[in-house]
C-alpha atoms as a PDB file:
ATOM      1  CA  MET A   1       9.276 -22.042  21.643  1.00  0.00           C
ATOM      2  CA  GLY A   2       7.484 -22.959  18.410  1.00  0.00           C
ATOM      3  CA  PHE A   3       8.184 -26.686  18.777  1.00  0.00           C
ATOM      4  CA  GLY A   4       7.088 -26.517  22.412  1.00  0.00           C
ATOM      5  CA  ALA A   5       3.712 -25.172  21.350  1.00  0.00           C
ATOM      6  CA  LEU A   6       3.422 -27.914  18.738  1.00  0.00           C
ATOM      7  CA  TYR A   7       4.257 -30.643  21.254  1.00  0.00           C
ATOM      8  CA  ALA A   8       1.805 -29.238  23.803  1.00  0.00           C
ATOM      9  CA  THR A   9      -0.947 -29.171  21.166  1.00  0.00           C
ATOM     10  CA  ILE A  10      -0.232 -32.784  20.228  1.00  0.00           C
ATOM     11  CA  VAL A  11      -0.317 -33.859  23.878  1.00  0.00           C
ATOM     12  CA  ALA A  12      -3.598 -31.998  24.361  1.00  0.00           C
ATOM     13  CA  LEU A  13      -5.227 -33.639  21.332  1.00  0.00           C
ATOM     14  CA  VAL A  14      -3.983 -37.079  22.346  1.00  0.00           C
ATOM     15  CA  SER A  15      -5.312 -36.560  25.877  1.00  0.00           C
ATOM     16  CA  VAL A  16      -8.745 -35.586  24.581  1.00  0.00           C
ATOM     17  CA  SER A  17      -8.838 -38.604  22.254  1.00  0.00           C
ATOM     18  CA  LEU A  18      -7.729 -41.004  24.979  1.00  0.00           C
ATOM     19  CA  GLY A  19     -10.251 -39.536  27.389  1.00  0.00           C
ATOM     20  CA  GLN A  20     -13.090 -40.122  24.936  1.00  0.00           C
ATOM     21  CA  LEU A  21     -11.846 -43.625  24.206  1.00  0.00           C
ATOM     22  CA  VAL A  22     -11.592 -44.511  27.874  1.00  0.00           C
ATOM     23  CA  VAL A  23     -15.085 -43.227  28.572  1.00  0.00           C
ATOM     24  CA  THR A  24     -16.662 -45.232  25.759  1.00  0.00           C
ATOM     25  CA  ARG A  25     -14.643 -48.462  26.148  1.00  0.00           C
ATOM     26  CA  THR A  26     -14.058 -48.800  29.888  1.00  0.00           C
ATOM     27  CA  ALA A  27     -15.905 -48.259  33.122  1.00  0.00           C
ATOM     28  CA  VAL A  28     -13.758 -45.542  34.644  1.00  0.00           C
ATOM     29  CA  SER A  29     -14.983 -42.816  36.928  1.00  0.00           C
ATOM     30  CA  ARG A  30     -16.191 -39.550  35.466  1.00  0.00           C
ATOM     31  CA  ARG A  31     -13.553 -37.698  37.450  1.00  0.00           C
ATOM     32  CA  SER A  32     -10.750 -39.711  35.846  1.00  0.00           C
ATOM     33  CA  ALA A  33     -12.199 -39.110  32.400  1.00  0.00           C
ATOM     34  CA  VAL A  34     -12.447 -35.355  33.031  1.00  0.00           C
ATOM     35  CA  VAL A  35      -8.842 -35.207  34.214  1.00  0.00           C
ATOM     36  CA  MET A  36      -7.652 -36.995  31.086  1.00  0.00           C
ATOM     37  CA  SER A  37      -9.827 -35.257  28.514  1.00  0.00           C
ATOM     38  CA  VAL A  38     -10.150 -31.751  30.005  1.00  0.00           C
ATOM     39  CA  VAL A  39      -7.639 -30.931  32.727  1.00  0.00           C
ATOM     40  CA  LEU A  40      -4.511 -32.242  30.955  1.00  0.00           C
ATOM     41  CA  PRO A  41      -5.216 -30.478  27.618  1.00  0.00           C
ATOM     42  CA  VAL A  42      -6.065 -27.251  29.448  1.00  0.00           C
ATOM     43  CA  ALA A  43      -2.819 -27.497  31.425  1.00  0.00           C
ATOM     44  CA  CYS A  44      -0.855 -27.907  28.184  1.00  0.00           C
ATOM     45  CA  PHE A  45      -2.417 -24.820  26.616  1.00  0.00           C
ATOM     46  CA  LEU A  46      -1.905 -22.860  29.839  1.00  0.00           C
ATOM     47  CA  ILE A  47       1.796 -23.728  29.824  1.00  0.00           C
ATOM     48  CA  VAL A  48       2.062 -22.615  26.187  1.00  0.00           C
ATOM     49  CA  ALA A  49       0.352 -19.284  26.960  1.00  0.00           C
ATOM     50  CA  MET A  50       2.654 -18.610  29.911  1.00  0.00           C
ATOM     51  CA  THR A  51       5.710 -19.532  27.821  1.00  0.00           C
ATOM     52  CA  TYR A  52       4.735 -17.150  25.031  1.00  0.00           C
ATOM     53  CA  LYS A  53       4.004 -14.359  27.512  1.00  0.00           C
ATOM     54  CA  SER A  54       7.433 -14.791  29.112  1.00  0.00           C
ATOM     55  CA  ALA A  55       9.146 -14.798  25.717  1.00  0.00           C
ATOM     56  CA  ALA A  56       7.189 -11.712  24.631  1.00  0.00           C
ATOM     57  CA  GLU A  57       8.189  -9.882  27.819  1.00  0.00           C
ATOM     58  CA  ASP A  58      11.856 -10.669  27.255  1.00  0.00           C
ATOM     59  CA  LEU A  59      11.769  -9.591  23.607  1.00  0.00           C
ATOM     60  CA  LYS A  60       9.833  -6.425  24.440  1.00  0.00           C
ATOM     61  CA  ASN A  61      12.502  -5.395  26.948  1.00  0.00           C
ATOM     62  CA  ARG A  62      15.245  -6.069  24.404  1.00  0.00           C
ATOM     63  CA  LEU A  63      13.446  -3.966  21.805  1.00  0.00           C
ATOM     64  CA  TRP A  64      12.995  -1.096  24.242  1.00  0.00           C
ATOM     65  CA  ASP A  65      16.668  -1.230  25.163  1.00  0.00           C
ATOM     66  CA  ARG A  66      18.804   1.269  23.224  1.00  0.00           C
ATOM     67  CA  ASP A  67      21.532  -1.350  22.852  1.00  0.00           C
ATOM     68  CA  CYS A  68      21.330  -2.383  19.209  1.00  0.00           C
ATOM     69  CA  HIS A  69      23.306  -5.553  19.918  1.00  0.00           C
ATOM     70  CA  SER A  70      20.804  -6.944  22.429  1.00  0.00           C
ATOM     71  CA  THR A  71      19.670  -9.477  19.803  1.00  0.00           C
ATOM     72  CA  PRO A  72      21.111 -10.420  16.384  1.00  0.00           C
ATOM     73  CA  SER A  73      17.779  -9.744  14.686  1.00  0.00           C
ATOM     74  CA  LYS A  74      17.590  -6.260  16.204  1.00  0.00           C
ATOM     75  CA  TYR A  75      21.068  -5.426  14.941  1.00  0.00           C
ATOM     76  CA  ARG A  76      20.179  -6.854  11.525  1.00  0.00           C
ATOM     77  CA  LEU A  77      17.222  -4.466  11.320  1.00  0.00           C
ATOM     78  CA  GLU A  78      19.465  -1.555  12.282  1.00  0.00           C
ATOM     79  CA  GLU A  79      21.815  -2.492   9.432  1.00  0.00           C
ATOM     80  CA  ALA A  80      18.820  -2.669   7.104  1.00  0.00           C
ATOM     81  CA  TRP A  81      17.586   0.747   8.220  1.00  0.00           C
ATOM     82  CA  GLN A  82      21.044   2.290   7.803  1.00  0.00           C
ATOM     83  CA  ALA A  83      21.276   0.868   4.277  1.00  0.00           C
ATOM     84  CA  ALA A  84      17.838   2.308   3.473  1.00  0.00           C
ATOM     85  CA  ASN A  85      18.764   5.685   4.950  1.00  0.00           C
ATOM     86  CA  THR A  86      21.986   5.842   2.924  1.00  0.00           C
ATOM     87  CA  LEU A  87      20.063   5.069  -0.264  1.00  0.00           C
ATOM     88  CA  HIS A  88      17.417   7.677   0.568  1.00  0.00           C
ATOM     89  CA  ARG A  89      19.957  10.398   1.272  1.00  0.00           C
ATOM     90  CA  GLN A  90      21.727   9.693  -2.003  1.00  0.00           C
ATOM     91  CA  CYS A  91      18.377   9.762  -3.754  1.00  0.00           C
ATOM     92  CA  LEU A  92      17.556  13.183  -2.255  1.00  0.00           C
ATOM     93  CA  GLN A  93      20.938  14.551  -3.300  1.00  0.00           C
ATOM     94  CA  ASP A  94      20.427  13.342  -6.862  1.00  0.00           C
ATOM     95  CA  ARG A  95      16.934  14.857  -6.997  1.00  0.00           C
ATOM     96  CA  ALA A  96      18.177  18.151  -5.504  1.00  0.00           C
ATOM     97  CA  ALA A  97      20.775  18.396  -8.270  1.00  0.00           C
ATOM     98  CA  ARG A  98      18.017  18.063 -10.860  1.00  0.00           C
ATOM     99  CA  VAL A  99      15.538  20.337  -9.059  1.00  0.00           C
ATOM    100  CA  PRO A 100      17.678  23.005  -7.349  1.00  0.00           C
ATOM    101  CA  GLU A 101      14.713  25.248  -6.529  1.00  0.00           C
ATOM    102  CA  ALA A 102      13.192  22.639  -4.188  1.00  0.00           C
ATOM    103  CA  SER A 103      14.218  22.605  -0.532  1.00  0.00           C
ATOM    104  CA  SER A 104      15.477  19.472   1.167  1.00  0.00           C
ATOM    105  CA  GLU A 105      12.324  19.352   3.317  1.00  0.00           C
ATOM    106  CA  GLU A 106      10.098  19.496   0.230  1.00  0.00           C
ATOM    107  CA  LEU A 107      12.057  16.737  -1.443  1.00  0.00           C
ATOM    108  CA  ALA A 108      11.998  14.500   1.635  1.00  0.00           C
ATOM    109  CA  ALA A 109       8.243  15.044   1.970  1.00  0.00           C
ATOM    110  CA  SER A 110       7.557  14.075  -1.623  1.00  0.00           C
ATOM    111  CA  LEU A 111      10.075  11.309  -2.253  1.00  0.00           C
ATOM    112  CA  PRO A 112       9.532   8.078  -0.313  1.00  0.00           C
ATOM    113  CA  LEU A 113      12.310   5.535  -0.449  1.00  0.00           C
ATOM    114  CA  TYR A 114      10.545   3.070  -2.736  1.00  0.00           C
ATOM    115  CA  GLN A 115      10.565   5.678  -5.542  1.00  0.00           C
ATOM    116  CA  CYS A 116      14.357   5.954  -5.474  1.00  0.00           C
ATOM    117  CA  ASP A 117      16.670   4.454  -8.057  1.00  0.00           C
ATOM    118  CA  GLY A 118      18.391   1.441  -6.599  1.00  0.00           C
ATOM    119  CA  TYR A 119      15.506   0.443  -4.369  1.00  0.00           C
ATOM    120  CA  ALA A 120      14.813  -2.725  -6.334  1.00  0.00           C
ATOM    121  CA  GLU A 121      18.462  -3.718  -6.066  1.00  0.00           C
ATOM    122  CA  GLY A 122      18.359  -3.116  -2.315  1.00  0.00           C
ATOM    123  CA  LEU A 123      15.378  -5.430  -1.967  1.00  0.00           C
ATOM    124  CA  ALA A 124      17.573  -8.290  -3.134  1.00  0.00           C
ATOM    125  CA  THR A 125      19.424  -8.041   0.191  1.00  0.00           C
ATOM    126  CA  TRP A 126      16.956  -6.402   2.574  1.00  0.00           C
ATOM    127  CA  LYS A 127      13.493  -7.354   1.272  1.00  0.00           C
ATOM    128  CA  ASN A 128      12.006  -8.834   4.470  1.00  0.00           C
ATOM    129  CA  ASP A 129      13.688  -6.267   6.713  1.00  0.00           C
ATOM    130  CA  TRP A 130      12.615  -3.276   4.627  1.00  0.00           C
ATOM    131  CA  GLU A 131       9.061  -4.533   4.331  1.00  0.00           C
ATOM    132  CA  TYR A 132       8.875  -4.956   8.105  1.00  0.00           C
ATOM    133  CA  LEU A 133      10.327  -1.505   8.786  1.00  0.00           C
ATOM    134  CA  ALA A 134       7.982   0.055   6.217  1.00  0.00           C
ATOM    135  CA  SER A 135       4.970  -1.596   7.871  1.00  0.00           C
ATOM    136  CA  LEU A 136       6.057  -0.312  11.296  1.00  0.00           C
ATOM    137  CA  GLU A 137       6.387   3.216   9.904  1.00  0.00           C
ATOM    138  CA  GLY A 138       2.951   3.073   8.311  1.00  0.00           C
ATOM    139  CA  ASP A 139       1.131   1.441  11.213  1.00  0.00           C
ATOM    140  CA  HIS A 140       2.756   3.282  14.120  1.00  0.00           C
ATOM    141  CA  HIS A 141       4.064   6.550  12.600  1.00  0.00           C
ATOM    142  CA  CYS A 142       7.588   5.896  13.853  1.00  0.00           C
ATOM    143  CA  ALA A 143      10.935   6.721  12.263  1.00  0.00           C
ATOM    144  CA  GLY A 144      14.334   5.119  12.684  1.00  0.00           C
ATOM    145  CA  TRP A 145      15.076   1.818  14.376  1.00  0.00           C
ATOM    146  CA  CYS A 146      17.551   1.832  17.274  1.00  0.00           C
ATOM    147  CA  GLU A 147      17.544   5.630  17.269  1.00  0.00           C
ATOM    148  CA  SER A 148      14.716   7.945  16.305  1.00  0.00           C
ATOM    149  CA  ALA A 149      15.012   9.688  12.941  1.00  0.00           C
ATOM    150  CA  PRO A 150      13.744  13.132  11.964  1.00  0.00           C
ATOM    151  CA  ALA A 151      11.544  11.698   9.199  1.00  0.00           C
ATOM    152  CA  PRO A 152      10.333   8.330   7.939  1.00  0.00           C
ATOM    153  CA  LEU A 153      11.841   6.727   4.849  1.00  0.00           C
ATOM    154  CA  TRP A 154       8.943   4.831   3.297  1.00  0.00           C
ATOM    155  CA  HIS A 155       6.005   7.087   4.185  1.00  0.00           C
ATOM    156  CA  VAL A 156       5.073  10.738   4.233  1.00  0.00           C
ATOM    157  CA  PHE A 157       3.399  11.918   7.438  1.00  0.00           C
ATOM    158  CA  ARG A 158       1.213  15.008   7.447  1.00  0.00           C
ATOM    159  CA  SER A 159       2.106  15.930  11.009  1.00  0.00           C
ATOM    160  CA  ALA A 160       5.591  17.318  11.519  1.00  0.00           C
ATOM    161  CA  GLY A 161       7.811  16.769  14.531  1.00  0.00           C
ATOM    162  CA  SER A 162      10.044  14.057  15.887  1.00  0.00           C
ATOM    163  CA  LYS A 163       8.837  10.474  15.840  1.00  0.00           C
ATOM    164  CA  GLU A 164       9.628   7.656  18.245  1.00  0.00           C
ATOM    165  CA  ARG A 165      12.008   4.964  17.100  1.00  0.00           C
ATOM    166  CA  CYS A 166      10.308   1.956  15.543  1.00  0.00           C
ATOM    167  CA  SER A 167      11.897  -0.525  17.955  1.00  0.00           C
ATOM    168  CA  LEU A 168       9.726   1.042  20.673  1.00  0.00           C
ATOM    169  CA  ALA A 169       6.642   0.558  18.515  1.00  0.00           C
ATOM    170  CA  ALA A 170       7.582  -3.090  17.930  1.00  0.00           C
ATOM    171  CA  GLY A 171       7.983  -3.565  21.677  1.00  0.00           C
ATOM    172  CA  ASP A 172       4.599  -1.960  22.306  1.00  0.00           C
ATOM    173  CA  VAL A 173       2.974  -4.532  20.018  1.00  0.00           C
ATOM    174  CA  LEU A 174       4.401  -7.329  22.159  1.00  0.00           C
ATOM    175  CA  GLY A 175       3.368  -5.539  25.342  1.00  0.00           C
ATOM    176  CA  GLY A 176      -0.158  -4.920  24.090  1.00  0.00           C
ATOM    177  CA  PRO A 177      -1.946  -7.379  21.762  1.00  0.00           C
ATOM    178  CA  VAL A 178       0.304 -10.330  22.643  1.00  0.00           C
ATOM    179  CA  TYR A 179      -0.223  -9.767  26.374  1.00  0.00           C
ATOM    180  CA  ARG A 180      -3.979  -9.462  25.936  1.00  0.00           C
ATOM    181  CA  THR A 181      -4.157 -12.639  23.856  1.00  0.00           C
ATOM    182  CA  THR A 182      -2.147 -14.717  26.318  1.00  0.00           C
ATOM    183  CA  ALA A 183      -4.187 -13.320  29.216  1.00  0.00           C
ATOM    184  CA  GLN A 184      -7.413 -14.315  27.456  1.00  0.00           C
ATOM    185  CA  ILE A 185      -6.066 -17.824  26.859  1.00  0.00           C
ATOM    186  CA  LYS A 186      -5.106 -18.160  30.526  1.00  0.00           C
ATOM    187  CA  ILE A 187      -8.546 -17.042  31.713  1.00  0.00           C
ATOM    188  CA  TYR A 188     -10.236 -19.397  29.249  1.00  0.00           C
ATOM    189  CA  CYS A 189      -8.107 -22.343  30.381  1.00  0.00           C
ATOM    190  CA  ILE A 190      -8.795 -21.681  34.056  1.00  0.00           C
ATOM    191  CA  LEU A 191     -12.555 -21.404  33.464  1.00  0.00           C
ATOM    192  CA  VAL A 192     -12.623 -24.636  31.441  1.00  0.00           C
ATOM    193  CA  ALA A 193     -10.618 -26.473  34.114  1.00  0.00           C
ATOM    194  CA  VAL A 194     -12.947 -25.260  36.896  1.00  0.00           C
ATOM    195  CA  LEU A 195     -16.047 -26.148  34.884  1.00  0.00           C
ATOM    196  CA  GLY A 196     -14.651 -29.585  34.108  1.00  0.00           C
ATOM    197  CA  PHE A 197     -13.904 -30.200  37.766  1.00  0.00           C
ATOM    198  CA  LEU A 198     -17.406 -29.140  38.822  1.00  0.00           C
ATOM    199  CA  LEU A 199     -18.996 -31.415  36.227  1.00  0.00           C
ATOM    200  CA  SER A 200     -16.909 -34.346  37.458  1.00  0.00           C
ATOM    201  CA  LEU A 201     -18.514 -34.032  40.875  1.00  0.00           C
ATOM    202  CA  TYR A 202     -21.966 -34.940  39.592  1.00  0.00           C
END
């Protein structure tokens, strides 16, 4: 998908350049020049927008699916979350042994994962995954990945209660901002193509 967008951009830029060159060097009709310098580039960008929207829809559905094996990257993030959860639970047990008067809820509310011993070592294996999961927790107030968790690992939320799993939040991002962006690109491309066609008639 990434290379497709690159190729479409190159084709669009080449079409614009050739259209300008043809207009200045040859006596072609205005309609032909508009098709080469406006319609073809717009068509390329429209194809890219539709391709990204289709890919986003597919990935959103896979993220919403409870099957953790729907994509390798989704399963990798579940492994990363499980590793983080194991470290956090061990960290809470160690802290409870040192502070027996504190309840498990108090410890969990005051001890985010990044303050635990062994977190730096875990980053050597899970750095990108943990940073992504931590950002989802902070931005969307979710907990868990393939399954919802009773509490977040990296953040402390003031409001109690169960949180949605972060894979749902990730899917919502694709179904929201990505959809709106691709829709805006499609509308822009259609308007430019119509305007270019109307100008070619004069």
